[in-house]
C-alpha atoms as a PDB file:
ATOM      1  CA  MET A   1      13.987  91.832-213.086  1.00  0.00           C
ATOM      2  CA  HIS A   2      14.675  95.543-213.477  1.00  0.00           C
ATOM      3  CA  VAL A   3      17.147  96.377-210.732  1.00  0.00           C
ATOM      4  CA  SER A   4      19.427  99.408-210.705  1.00  0.00           C
ATOM      5  CA  PHE A   5      21.752 100.399-207.855  1.00  0.00           C
ATOM      6  CA  GLU A   6      25.326 101.419-207.096  1.00  0.00           C
ATOM      7  CA  VAL A   7      27.541 100.233-204.257  1.00  0.00           C
ATOM      8  CA  ARG A   8      30.127 102.690-202.985  1.00  0.00           C
ATOM      9  CA  ARG A   9      33.728 101.652-202.525  1.00  0.00           C
ATOM     10  CA  GLY A  10      34.439 100.539-198.959  1.00  0.00           C
ATOM     11  CA  GLU A  11      30.853 100.356-197.720  1.00  0.00           C
ATOM     12  CA  ILE A  12      28.760  97.480-196.409  1.00  0.00           C
ATOM     13  CA  PHE A  13      25.701  97.358-198.632  1.00  0.00           C
ATOM     14  CA  GLY A  14      22.707  95.254-197.616  1.00  0.00           C
ATOM     15  CA  LEU A  15      20.430  93.697-200.213  1.00  0.00           C
ATOM     16  CA  LEU A  16      17.175  92.767-198.481  1.00  0.00           C
ATOM     17  CA  GLY A  17      13.950  91.250-199.719  1.00  0.00           C
ATOM     18  CA  PRO A  18      11.329  88.519-199.219  1.00  0.00           C
ATOM     19  CA  ASN A  19      11.783  84.988-200.519  1.00  0.00           C
ATOM     20  CA  GLY A  20      11.754  85.022-204.301  1.00  0.00           C
ATOM     21  CA  ALA A  21      12.313  88.772-204.545  1.00  0.00           C
ATOM     22  CA  GLY A  22      15.486  88.352-206.607  1.00  0.00           C
ATOM     23  CA  LYS A  23      18.323  88.793-204.083  1.00  0.00           C
ATOM     24  CA  THR A  24      20.203  85.574-204.794  1.00  0.00           C
ATOM     25  CA  THR A  25      19.595  85.899-208.539  1.00  0.00           C
ATOM     26  CA  THR A  26      21.115  89.378-208.443  1.00  0.00           C
ATOM     27  CA  ILE A  27      24.140  88.144-206.478  1.00  0.00           C
ATOM     28  CA  ARG A  28      24.664  85.230-208.866  1.00  0.00           C
ATOM     29  CA  MET A  29      24.658  87.582-211.851  1.00  0.00           C
ATOM     30  CA  LEU A  30      27.106  89.971-210.182  1.00  0.00           C
ATOM     31  CA  CYS A  31      29.397  87.014-209.387  1.00  0.00           C
ATOM     32  CA  THR A  32      29.205  85.788-213.024  1.00  0.00           C
ATOM     33  CA  LEU A  33      27.474  82.543-211.991  1.00  0.00           C
ATOM     34  CA  LEU A  34      24.332  83.491-213.893  1.00  0.00           C
ATOM     35  CA  ARG A  35      24.327  85.328-217.206  1.00  0.00           C
ATOM     36  CA  PRO A  36      21.977  88.331-217.390  1.00  0.00           C
ATOM     37  CA  THR A  37      19.395  88.184-220.154  1.00  0.00           C
ATOM     38  CA  GLU A  38      19.418  91.967-220.509  1.00  0.00           C
ATOM     39  CA  GLY A  39      20.963  95.087-219.035  1.00  0.00           C
ATOM     40  CA  THR A  40      24.518  95.681-217.853  1.00  0.00           C
ATOM     41  CA  ALA A  41      26.423  95.362-214.598  1.00  0.00           C
ATOM     42  CA  ARG A  42      29.954  96.236-213.572  1.00  0.00           C
ATOM     43  CA  VAL A  43      31.804  94.931-210.531  1.00  0.00           C
ATOM     44  CA  ALA A  44      35.167  96.415-209.485  1.00  0.00           C
ATOM     45  CA  GLY A  45      35.063  98.296-212.780  1.00  0.00           C
ATOM     46  CA  TYR A  46      34.600  95.216-215.007  1.00  0.00           C
ATOM     47  CA  ASP A  47      31.608  94.127-217.059  1.00  0.00           C
ATOM     48  CA  VAL A  48      30.119  90.899-215.687  1.00  0.00           C
ATOM     49  CA  VAL A  49      29.556  89.510-219.204  1.00  0.00           C
ATOM     50  CA  ASP A  50      32.386  90.787-221.377  1.00  0.00           C
ATOM     51  CA  GLU A  51      35.035  90.802-218.624  1.00  0.00           C
ATOM     52  CA  ASP A  52      33.843  87.956-216.410  1.00  0.00           C
ATOM     53  CA  ASP A  53      37.346  86.573-215.819  1.00  0.00           C
ATOM     54  CA  GLN A  54      38.518  89.924-214.450  1.00  0.00           C
ATOM     55  CA  VAL A  55      35.413  90.183-212.269  1.00  0.00           C
ATOM     56  CA  ARG A  56      36.191  86.812-210.673  1.00  0.00           C
ATOM     57  CA  GLU A  57      39.759  87.900-209.993  1.00  0.00           C
ATOM     58  CA  HIS A  58      38.508  90.845-207.927  1.00  0.00           C
ATOM     59  CA  ILE A  59      35.641  89.324-205.946  1.00  0.00           C
ATOM     60  CA  GLY A  60      35.078  86.808-203.173  1.00  0.00           C
ATOM     61  CA  LEU A  61      31.854  84.905-202.550  1.00  0.00           C
ATOM     62  CA  VAL A  62      30.608  83.362-199.323  1.00  0.00           C
ATOM     63  CA  SER A  63      27.357  81.613-200.207  1.00  0.00           C
ATOM     64  CA  GLU A  64      24.785  80.134-197.827  1.00  0.00           C
ATOM     65  CA  GLU A  65      25.935  76.712-199.061  1.00  0.00           C
ATOM     66  CA  MET A  66      29.344  76.071-197.520  1.00  0.00           C
ATOM     67  CA  ILE A  67      31.628  74.781-200.261  1.00  0.00           C
ATOM     68  CA  MET A  68      34.161  72.602-198.460  1.00  0.00           C
ATOM     69  CA  TYR A  69      35.261  68.984-198.267  1.00  0.00           C
ATOM     70  CA  ASP A  70      34.538  67.297-194.940  1.00  0.00           C
ATOM     71  CA  ARG A  71      37.418  64.790-195.117  1.00  0.00           C
ATOM     72  CA  LEU A  72      40.017  67.484-195.690  1.00  0.00           C
ATOM     73  CA  THR A  73      41.412  69.622-192.912  1.00  0.00           C
ATOM     74  CA  ALA A  74      40.785  73.363-192.739  1.00  0.00           C
ATOM     75  CA  TYR A  75      44.251  73.991-194.121  1.00  0.00           C
ATOM     76  CA  GLU A  76      43.864  71.420-196.922  1.00  0.00           C
ATOM     77  CA  ASN A  77      40.536  72.928-197.985  1.00  0.00           C
ATOM     78  CA  LEU A  78      41.998  76.402-198.135  1.00  0.00           C
ATOM     79  CA  LYS A  79      45.129  75.218-199.942  1.00  0.00           C
ATOM     80  CA  LEU A  80      42.954  73.550-202.591  1.00  0.00           C
ATOM     81  CA  PHE A  81      40.990  76.736-203.287  1.00  0.00           C
ATOM     82  CA  ALA A  82      44.123  78.875-203.136  1.00  0.00           C
ATOM     83  CA  LYS A  83      45.611  76.714-205.935  1.00  0.00           C
ATOM     84  CA  LEU A  84      42.528  77.425-208.042  1.00  0.00           C
ATOM     85  CA  TYR A  85      43.375  81.109-207.705  1.00  0.00           C
ATOM     86  CA  ASP A  86      46.988  80.402-208.749  1.00  0.00           C
ATOM     87  CA  ILE A  87      48.340  81.801-205.492  1.00  0.00           C
ATOM     88  CA  PRO A  88      52.113  81.168-205.516  1.00  0.00           C
ATOM     89  CA  GLY A  89      53.295  78.409-203.190  1.00  0.00           C
ATOM     90  CA  GLU A  90      55.892  80.602-201.499  1.00  0.00           C
ATOM     91  CA  ILE A  91      53.214  82.918-200.037  1.00  0.00           C
ATOM     92  CA  LEU A  92      50.375  80.404-199.771  1.00  0.00           C
ATOM     93  CA  ASP A  93      51.202  79.086-196.302  1.00  0.00           C
ATOM     94  CA  GLN A  94      51.683  82.565-194.909  1.00  0.00           C
ATOM     95  CA  LYS A  95      48.411  83.841-196.401  1.00  0.00           C
ATOM     96  CA  ILE A  96      46.372  80.897-195.077  1.00  0.00           C
ATOM     97  CA  GLY A  97      47.996  81.246-191.659  1.00  0.00           C
ATOM     98  CA  GLU A  98      47.188  84.955-191.466  1.00  0.00           C
ATOM     99  CA  LEU A  99      43.574  84.396-192.485  1.00  0.00           C
ATOM    100  CA  LEU A 100      43.074  81.549-190.017  1.00  0.00           C
ATOM    101  CA  ASP A 101      44.441  83.860-187.322  1.00  0.00           C
ATOM    102  CA  LEU A 102      41.933  86.494-188.435  1.00  0.00           C
ATOM    103  CA  VAL A 103      38.976  84.161-187.851  1.00  0.00           C
ATOM    104  CA  LYS A 104      40.496  82.577-184.707  1.00  0.00           C
ATOM    105  CA  MET A 105      40.802  79.132-186.313  1.00  0.00           C
ATOM    106  CA  SER A 106      44.575  78.566-186.236  1.00  0.00           C
ATOM    107  CA  GLU A 107      44.208  76.036-183.438  1.00  0.00           C
ATOM    108  CA  TRP A 108      42.108  73.777-185.676  1.00  0.00           C
ATOM    109  CA  ARG A 109      43.928  74.204-188.989  1.00  0.00           C
ATOM    110  CA  ASP A 110      44.845  70.494-189.118  1.00  0.00           C
ATOM    111  CA  GLU A 111      41.413  69.166-188.029  1.00  0.00           C
ATOM    112  CA  GLN A 112      38.958  67.721-190.543  1.00  0.00           C
ATOM    113  CA  VAL A 113      36.244  70.210-191.488  1.00  0.00           C
ATOM    114  CA  GLY A 114      33.588  67.503-191.058  1.00  0.00           C
ATOM    115  CA  ARG A 115      34.195  67.643-187.296  1.00  0.00           C
ATOM    116  CA  PHE A 116      33.571  71.390-187.051  1.00  0.00           C
ATOM    117  CA  SER A 117      30.467  73.100-185.713  1.00  0.00           C
ATOM    118  CA  SER A 118      28.436  75.241-188.129  1.00  0.00           C
ATOM    119  CA  GLY A 119      30.035  78.398-186.777  1.00  0.00           C
ATOM    120  CA  MET A 120      33.564  77.035-187.236  1.00  0.00           C
ATOM    121  CA  ARG A 121      32.766  75.877-190.762  1.00  0.00           C
ATOM    122  CA  GLN A 122      31.402  79.300-191.626  1.00  0.00           C
ATOM    123  CA  ARG A 123      34.543  81.021-190.369  1.00  0.00           C
ATOM    124  CA  VAL A 124      36.638  78.817-192.655  1.00  0.00           C
ATOM    125  CA  ASN A 125      34.123  79.515-195.421  1.00  0.00           C
ATOM    126  CA  VAL A 126      34.721  83.253-194.960  1.00  0.00           C
ATOM    127  CA  VAL A 127      38.489  82.678-195.238  1.00  0.00           C
ATOM    128  CA  ARG A 128      37.890  80.856-198.518  1.00  0.00           C
ATOM    129  CA  GLY A 129      36.230  84.004-199.860  1.00  0.00           C
ATOM    130  CA  LEU A 130      39.213  86.145-198.806  1.00  0.00           C
ATOM    131  CA  LEU A 131      42.027  84.062-200.302  1.00  0.00           C
ATOM    132  CA  ASN A 132      42.394  86.211-203.403  1.00  0.00           C
ATOM    133  CA  GLU A 133      42.226  89.491-201.415  1.00  0.00           C
ATOM    134  CA  PRO A 134      39.004  90.607-203.138  1.00  0.00           C
ATOM    135  CA  GLU A 135      38.011  94.220-203.629  1.00  0.00           C
ATOM    136  CA  VAL A 136      34.368  93.173-203.293  1.00  0.00           C
ATOM    137  CA  LEU A 137      33.149  90.401-200.982  1.00  0.00           C
ATOM    138  CA  PHE A 138      29.659  88.990-201.500  1.00  0.00           C
ATOM    139  CA  LEU A 139      28.082  87.454-198.395  1.00  0.00           C
ATOM    140  CA  ASP A 140      24.853  85.559-199.062  1.00  0.00           C
ATOM    141  CA  GLU A 141      23.146  85.024-195.676  1.00  0.00           C
ATOM    142  CA  PRO A 142      26.415  84.424-193.798  1.00  0.00           C
ATOM    143  CA  THR A 143      24.757  83.815-190.393  1.00  0.00           C
ATOM    144  CA  LEU A 144      21.964  81.534-191.599  1.00  0.00           C
ATOM    145  CA  GLY A 145      21.355  78.724-189.093  1.00  0.00           C
ATOM    146  CA  LEU A 146      24.090  79.792-186.677  1.00  0.00           C
ATOM    147  CA  ASP A 147      23.700  80.000-182.901  1.00  0.00           C
ATOM    148  CA  PRO A 148      23.817  83.447-181.230  1.00  0.00           C
ATOM    149  CA  GLN A 149      27.504  83.167-180.271  1.00  0.00           C
ATOM    150  CA  SER A 150      28.587  82.164-183.785  1.00  0.00           C
ATOM    151  CA  THR A 151      26.336  84.837-185.281  1.00  0.00           C
ATOM    152  CA  ALA A 152      27.965  87.512-183.135  1.00  0.00           C
ATOM    153  CA  GLU A 153      31.416  86.208-184.120  1.00  0.00           C
ATOM    154  CA  ILE A 154      30.637  86.346-187.858  1.00  0.00           C
ATOM    155  CA  ARG A 155      29.139  89.836-187.569  1.00  0.00           C
ATOM    156  CA  GLY A 156      32.243  91.069-185.779  1.00  0.00           C
ATOM    157  CA  LEU A 157      34.371  89.464-188.472  1.00  0.00           C
ATOM    158  CA  ILE A 158      32.403  91.228-191.210  1.00  0.00           C
ATOM    159  CA  GLU A 159      33.051  94.598-189.561  1.00  0.00           C
ATOM    160  CA  GLN A 160      36.724  93.738-189.153  1.00  0.00           C
ATOM    161  CA  ILE A 161      37.116  92.745-192.811  1.00  0.00           C
ATOM    162  CA  ASN A 162      35.374  95.893-193.968  1.00  0.00           C
ATOM    163  CA  GLY A 163      37.239  98.271-191.655  1.00  0.00           C
ATOM    164  CA  GLY A 164      40.671  96.679-191.506  1.00  0.00           C
ATOM    165  CA  ARG A 165      40.950  95.627-195.126  1.00  0.00           C
ATOM    166  CA  ASP A 166      38.818  98.353-196.729  1.00  0.00           C
ATOM    167  CA  THR A 167      36.853  95.604-198.483  1.00  0.00           C
ATOM    168  CA  THR A 168      33.541  96.515-200.078  1.00  0.00           C
ATOM    169  CA  ILE A 169      30.892  94.079-198.838  1.00  0.00           C
ATOM    170  CA  VAL A 170      27.537  93.201-200.374  1.00  0.00           C
ATOM    171  CA  LEU A 171      25.399  91.383-197.829  1.00  0.00           C
ATOM    172  CA  THR A 172      22.072  89.572-198.130  1.00  0.00           C
ATOM    173  CA  THR A 173      20.185  88.643-194.985  1.00  0.00           C
ATOM    174  CA  HIS A 174      16.675  88.067-193.662  1.00  0.00           C
ATOM    175  CA  ILE A 175      17.696  89.333-190.218  1.00  0.00           C
ATOM    176  CA  MET A 176      16.724  93.003-190.094  1.00  0.00           C
ATOM    177  CA  THR A 177      18.655  93.708-186.877  1.00  0.00           C
ATOM    178  CA  GLU A 178      21.769  92.353-188.595  1.00  0.00           C
ATOM    179  CA  ALA A 179      21.307  94.637-191.589  1.00  0.00           C
ATOM    180  CA  ASP A 180      20.605  97.602-189.303  1.00  0.00           C
ATOM    181  CA  ALA A 181      23.754  96.986-187.252  1.00  0.00           C
ATOM    182  CA  LEU A 182      26.151  96.252-190.125  1.00  0.00           C
ATOM    183  CA  CYS A 183      25.063  98.109-193.242  1.00  0.00           C
ATOM    184  CA  ASP A 184      25.962 101.634-194.292  1.00  0.00           C
ATOM    185  CA  ARG A 185      23.094 101.508-196.782  1.00  0.00           C
ATOM    186  CA  VAL A 186      20.434  98.968-197.675  1.00  0.00           C
ATOM    187  CA  GLY A 187      18.458  98.297-200.810  1.00  0.00           C
ATOM    188  CA  ILE A 188      15.100  96.575-200.366  1.00  0.00           C
ATOM    189  CA  ILE A 189      14.236  94.503-203.406  1.00  0.00           C
ATOM    190  CA  ASP A 190      10.714  93.243-204.060  1.00  0.00           C
ATOM    191  CA  LYS A 191       9.313  91.513-207.136  1.00  0.00           C
ATOM    192  CA  GLY A 192      12.510  92.149-209.060  1.00  0.00           C
ATOM    193  CA  LYS A 193      12.661  95.901-208.396  1.00  0.00           C
ATOM    194  CA  ILE A 194      14.322  98.149-205.824  1.00  0.00           C
ATOM    195  CA  ALA A 195      11.536  99.364-203.524  1.00  0.00           C
ATOM    196  CA  ALA A 196      13.795 101.580-201.383  1.00  0.00           C
ATOM    197  CA  LEU A 197      17.488 102.418-201.051  1.00  0.00           C
ATOM    198  CA  ASP A 198      19.070 104.528-198.321  1.00  0.00           C
ATOM    199  CA  THR A 199      20.748 104.313-194.940  1.00  0.00           C
ATOM    200  CA  PRO A 200      18.824 102.362-192.286  1.00  0.00           C
ATOM    201  CA  SER A 201      18.386 105.511-190.182  1.00  0.00           C
ATOM    202  CA  VAL A 202      16.893 107.500-193.071  1.00  0.00           C
ATOM    203  CA  LEU A 203      14.516 104.679-193.995  1.00  0.00           C
ATOM    204  CA  LYS A 204      13.342 104.409-190.374  1.00  0.00           C
ATOM    205  CA  ARG A 205      12.819 108.172-190.158  1.00  0.00           C
ATOM    206  CA  LYS A 206      10.634 108.053-193.249  1.00  0.00           C
ATOM    207  CA  VAL A 207       8.359 105.576-191.494  1.00  0.00           C
ATOM    208  CA  SER A 208       8.378 107.446-188.170  1.00  0.00           C
ATOM    209  CA  GLY A 209       7.615 110.691-190.010  1.00  0.00           C
ATOM    210  CA  ARG A 210       4.321 109.294-191.210  1.00  0.00           C
ATOM    211  CA  SER A 211       1.187 109.146-189.086  1.00  0.00           C
ATOM    212  CA  SER A 212       1.590 105.443-188.261  1.00  0.00           C
ATOM    213  CA  LYS A 213       2.648 104.659-184.687  1.00  0.00           C
ATOM    214  CA  VAL A 214       3.730 101.398-183.054  1.00  0.00           C
ATOM    215  CA  LEU A 215       2.586 100.235-179.595  1.00  0.00           C
ATOM    216  CA  GLU A 216       3.478  97.020-177.793  1.00  0.00           C
ATOM    217  CA  LEU A 217       1.278  95.765-174.942  1.00  0.00           C
ATOM    218  CA  GLU A 218       1.740  92.885-172.513  1.00  0.00           C
ATOM    219  CA  VAL A 219      -1.726  91.556-171.587  1.00  0.00           C
ATOM    220  CA  PRO A 220      -1.785  88.133-169.874  1.00  0.00           C
ATOM    221  CA  GLY A 221      -4.325  85.681-171.274  1.00  0.00           C
ATOM    222  CA  LEU A 222      -5.039  87.237-174.662  1.00  0.00           C
ATOM    223  CA  ASP A 223      -8.127  85.891-176.407  1.00  0.00           C
ATOM    224  CA  GLU A 224     -10.192  86.395-179.552  1.00  0.00           C
ATOM    225  CA  GLN A 225     -12.649  88.720-177.825  1.00  0.00           C
ATOM    226  CA  LEU A 226      -9.972  91.193-176.802  1.00  0.00           C
ATOM    227  CA  LEU A 227      -8.305  91.031-180.216  1.00  0.00           C
ATOM    228  CA  SER A 228     -11.621  91.877-181.869  1.00  0.00           C
ATOM    229  CA  VAL A 229     -12.139  94.830-179.534  1.00  0.00           C
ATOM    230  CA  VAL A 230      -8.740  96.304-180.368  1.00  0.00           C
ATOM    231  CA  GLU A 231      -9.129  95.667-184.091  1.00  0.00           C
ATOM    232  CA  SER A 232     -12.505  97.399-184.157  1.00  0.00           C
ATOM    233  CA  LEU A 233     -11.052 100.733-183.043  1.00  0.00           C
ATOM    234  CA  GLU A 234     -11.089 103.216-185.910  1.00  0.00           C
ATOM    235  CA  PRO A 235      -7.460 104.453-185.646  1.00  0.00           C
ATOM    236  CA  VAL A 236      -6.051 100.898-185.482  1.00  0.00           C
ATOM    237  CA  GLN A 237      -4.563  99.727-188.788  1.00  0.00           C
ATOM    238  CA  GLU A 238      -3.077  96.398-187.786  1.00  0.00           C
ATOM    239  CA  VAL A 239      -2.865  94.083-184.779  1.00  0.00           C
ATOM    240  CA  THR A 240      -0.196  91.393-184.450  1.00  0.00           C
ATOM    241  CA  MET A 241      -0.299  88.748-181.710  1.00  0.00           C
ATOM    242  CA  GLU A 242       3.419  88.203-181.144  1.00  0.00           C
ATOM    243  CA  SER A 243       2.977  85.758-178.247  1.00  0.00           C
ATOM    244  CA  SER A 244       0.267  84.511-175.919  1.00  0.00           C
ATOM    245  CA  SER A 245       0.471  87.768-173.975  1.00  0.00           C
ATOM    246  CA  ARG A 246       2.013  90.341-176.332  1.00  0.00           C
ATOM    247  CA  LEU A 247       0.251  92.550-178.863  1.00  0.00           C
ATOM    248  CA  LYS A 248       1.810  94.876-181.402  1.00  0.00           C
ATOM    249  CA  ILE A 249      -0.569  97.556-182.629  1.00  0.00           C
ATOM    250  CA  ILE A 250       0.005  99.900-185.558  1.00  0.00           C
ATOM    251  CA  GLY A 251      -2.341 102.857-185.742  1.00  0.00           C
ATOM    252  CA  GLU A 252      -2.821 106.468-186.775  1.00  0.00           C
ATOM    253  CA  GLY A 253      -3.406 109.663-184.843  1.00  0.00           C
ATOM    254  CA  ASN A 254      -2.077 111.149-181.629  1.00  0.00           C
ATOM    255  CA  ASP A 255      -4.756 109.495-179.470  1.00  0.00           C
ATOM    256  CA  VAL A 256      -4.528 105.961-180.878  1.00  0.00           C
ATOM    257  CA  PHE A 257      -2.550 104.625-177.905  1.00  0.00           C
ATOM    258  CA  ASP A 258      -4.916 106.174-175.348  1.00  0.00           C
ATOM    259  CA  ARG A 259      -7.901 104.636-177.106  1.00  0.00           C
ATOM    260  CA  VAL A 260      -6.301 101.188-177.260  1.00  0.00           C
ATOM    261  CA  ILE A 261      -5.308 101.253-173.578  1.00  0.00           C
ATOM    262  CA  ASP A 262      -8.766 102.499-172.510  1.00  0.00           C
ATOM    263  CA  ALA A 263     -10.452  99.767-174.582  1.00  0.00           C
ATOM    264  CA  VAL A 264      -8.339  97.005-173.045  1.00  0.00           C
ATOM    265  CA  ARG A 265      -8.896  98.227-169.507  1.00  0.00           C
ATOM    266  CA  SER A 266     -12.627  98.685-170.088  1.00  0.00           C
ATOM    267  CA  LYS A 267     -12.826  94.926-170.563  1.00  0.00           C
ATOM    268  CA  GLY A 268     -11.309  94.396-167.119  1.00  0.00           C
ATOM    269  CA  ARG A 269      -7.967  93.261-168.517  1.00  0.00           C
ATOM    270  CA  LYS A 270      -4.660  94.048-166.841  1.00  0.00           C
ATOM    271  CA  ILE A 271      -1.831  95.601-168.874  1.00  0.00           C
ATOM    272  CA  THR A 272       1.543  94.623-167.403  1.00  0.00           C
ATOM    273  CA  SER A 273       3.761  96.475-169.881  1.00  0.00           C
ATOM    274  CA  ILE A 274       3.337  99.332-172.365  1.00  0.00           C
ATOM    275  CA  LYS A 275       5.990 100.273-174.898  1.00  0.00           C
ATOM    276  CA  ASP A 276       5.729 103.091-177.416  1.00  0.00           C
ATOM    277  CA  ARG A 277       8.609 102.126-179.664  1.00  0.00           C
ATOM    278  CA  GLU A 278      10.367 103.691-182.598  1.00  0.00           C
ATOM    279  CA  PRO A 279      10.011 102.051-186.018  1.00  0.00           C
ATOM    280  CA  THR A 280      12.622  99.420-186.842  1.00  0.00           C
ATOM    281  CA  LEU A 281      14.105  98.316-190.140  1.00  0.00           C
ATOM    282  CA  GLU A 282      11.707  95.369-189.939  1.00  0.00           C
ATOM    283  CA  ASP A 283       8.787  97.829-189.874  1.00  0.00           C
ATOM    284  CA  VAL A 284      10.205  99.513-192.987  1.00  0.00           C
ATOM    285  CA  PHE A 285      10.650  96.137-194.673  1.00  0.00           C
ATOM    286  CA  LEU A 286       7.086  94.988-193.928  1.00  0.00           C
ATOM    287  CA  GLU A 287       5.564  98.299-194.956  1.00  0.00           C
ATOM    288  CA  LEU A 288       7.302  98.135-198.333  1.00  0.00           C
ATOM    289  CA  THR A 289       6.912  94.418-199.078  1.00  0.00           C
ATOM    290  CA  GLY A 290       3.730  93.464-197.192  1.00  0.00           C
ATOM    291  CA  ARG A 291       3.077  90.660-194.741  1.00  0.00           C
ATOM    292  CA  GLU A 292       1.938  87.862-197.030  1.00  0.00           C
ATOM    293  CA  LEU A 293       3.994  84.673-196.928  1.00  0.00           C
ATOM    294  CA  ARG A 294       6.374  84.183-199.853  1.00  0.00           C
ATOM    295  CA  ASP A 295       6.476  80.400-200.084  1.00  0.00           C
ATOM    296  CA  GLN A 296       8.194  79.145-203.207  1.00  0.00           C
ATOM    297  CA  VAL A 297       9.429  76.001-204.893  1.00  0.00           C
ATOM    298  CA  SER A 298      13.017  76.295-206.059  1.00  0.00           C
ATOM    299  CA  GLU A 299      13.615  76.021-209.771  1.00  0.00           C
ATOM    300  CA  LYS A 300      16.636  74.568-211.500  1.00  0.00           C
ATOM    301  CA  VAL A 301      18.811  77.399-212.734  1.00  0.00           C
ATOM    302  CA  GLU A 302      21.439  76.889-215.399  1.00  0.00           C
ATOM    303  CA  THR A 303      24.685  78.626-214.479  1.00  0.00           C
ATOM    304  CA  THR A 304      27.876  79.368-216.316  1.00  0.00           C
ATOM    305  CA  ARG A 305      31.107  78.648-214.441  1.00  0.00           C
ATOM    306  CA  ARG A 306      34.390  79.578-216.037  1.00  0.00           C
ATOM    307  CA  GLY A 307      37.708  80.325-214.469  1.00  0.00           C
ATOM    308  CA  GLY A 308      38.137  80.429-210.650  1.00  0.00           C
ATOM    309  CA  PRO A 309      35.866  79.041-207.904  1.00  0.00           C
ATOM    310  CA  HIS A 310      33.649  80.756-206.578  1.00  0.00           C
ATOM    311  CA  GLY A 311       9.553  83.314-180.446  1.00  0.00           C
ATOM    312  CA  GLY A 312       6.269  82.834-180.390  1.00  0.00           C
ATOM    313  CA  SER A 313       3.368  82.574-182.728  1.00  0.00           C
ATOM    314  CA  ASP A 314       3.124  85.030-185.570  1.00  0.00           C
ATOM    315  CA  ARG A 315      -0.357  86.187-186.184  1.00  0.00           C
ATOM    316  CA  SER A 316      -1.202  89.365-188.030  1.00  0.00           C
ATOM    317  CA  ARG A 317      -4.598  90.782-188.803  1.00  0.00           C
ATOM    318  CA  GLY A 318      -5.277  94.282-189.970  1.00  0.00           C
ATOM    319  CA  ARG A 319      -6.858  96.747-192.310  1.00  0.00           C
ATOM    320  CA  ARG A 320      -5.044  98.155-195.294  1.00  0.00           C
END
């Protein structure tokens, strides 16, 4: 890996990338869970190798694996981790109470965590990462596997933590709409390098400023014949069948949409919806990292721990 970036104090910074791109590895090194083999990194002003104890004192980590004990209550879990941070007993109860209020979990403080839904567990998991009042909070896919209501709750909580507590947040996610909505800036990492780094709006403008255009069509009863017709058009770069009736076409030139629509109608097919849409952060992501699947087999990684705890079918065919 050869990654270089800076996160500004008080911002929400998104670290995006395909599977195996190096996101989690980067986070683990910044949290002192994995020792870098080369290079340097500083978090909250401290070197992650030479001053790892100080780094851990100033950060919080909410990983995709929820680190809690099912047989303990929410309060007991948080008290256990607070003790690992040496939080004095006289303020411990007050701190846990305030944080449970923050995530709307006070009502269930004395219920066993094993009885909680995934969204409730994740809210307690976020509290665990805030116990030491971190300057920097690392969130590794915090909404992974959550239902829409819980996802919305966690996203609102992230904004509240960042705005109300002035906490710098580093977020990894595969949900581009989440990154677009939450992040002040995003870095897209691919194959161990930063492929792009800027605000979501600037990155989207860079794509929209190029000749590529995006068209979505609703055509009932799509089939191979019609797909081939659209793909054969010279200005068409890529055709994605997003459902049994929806096509997304990426092409070049001012007349690409007219030519696609004329070609579809010339085959006697009815178009029920036409959308000329602006590029999204997902379009930026796919343009920079490609569309090939990134399947991978996880490898065992040795870590160093010292001190505190820590819709439809997807079918894409196109010309490049």
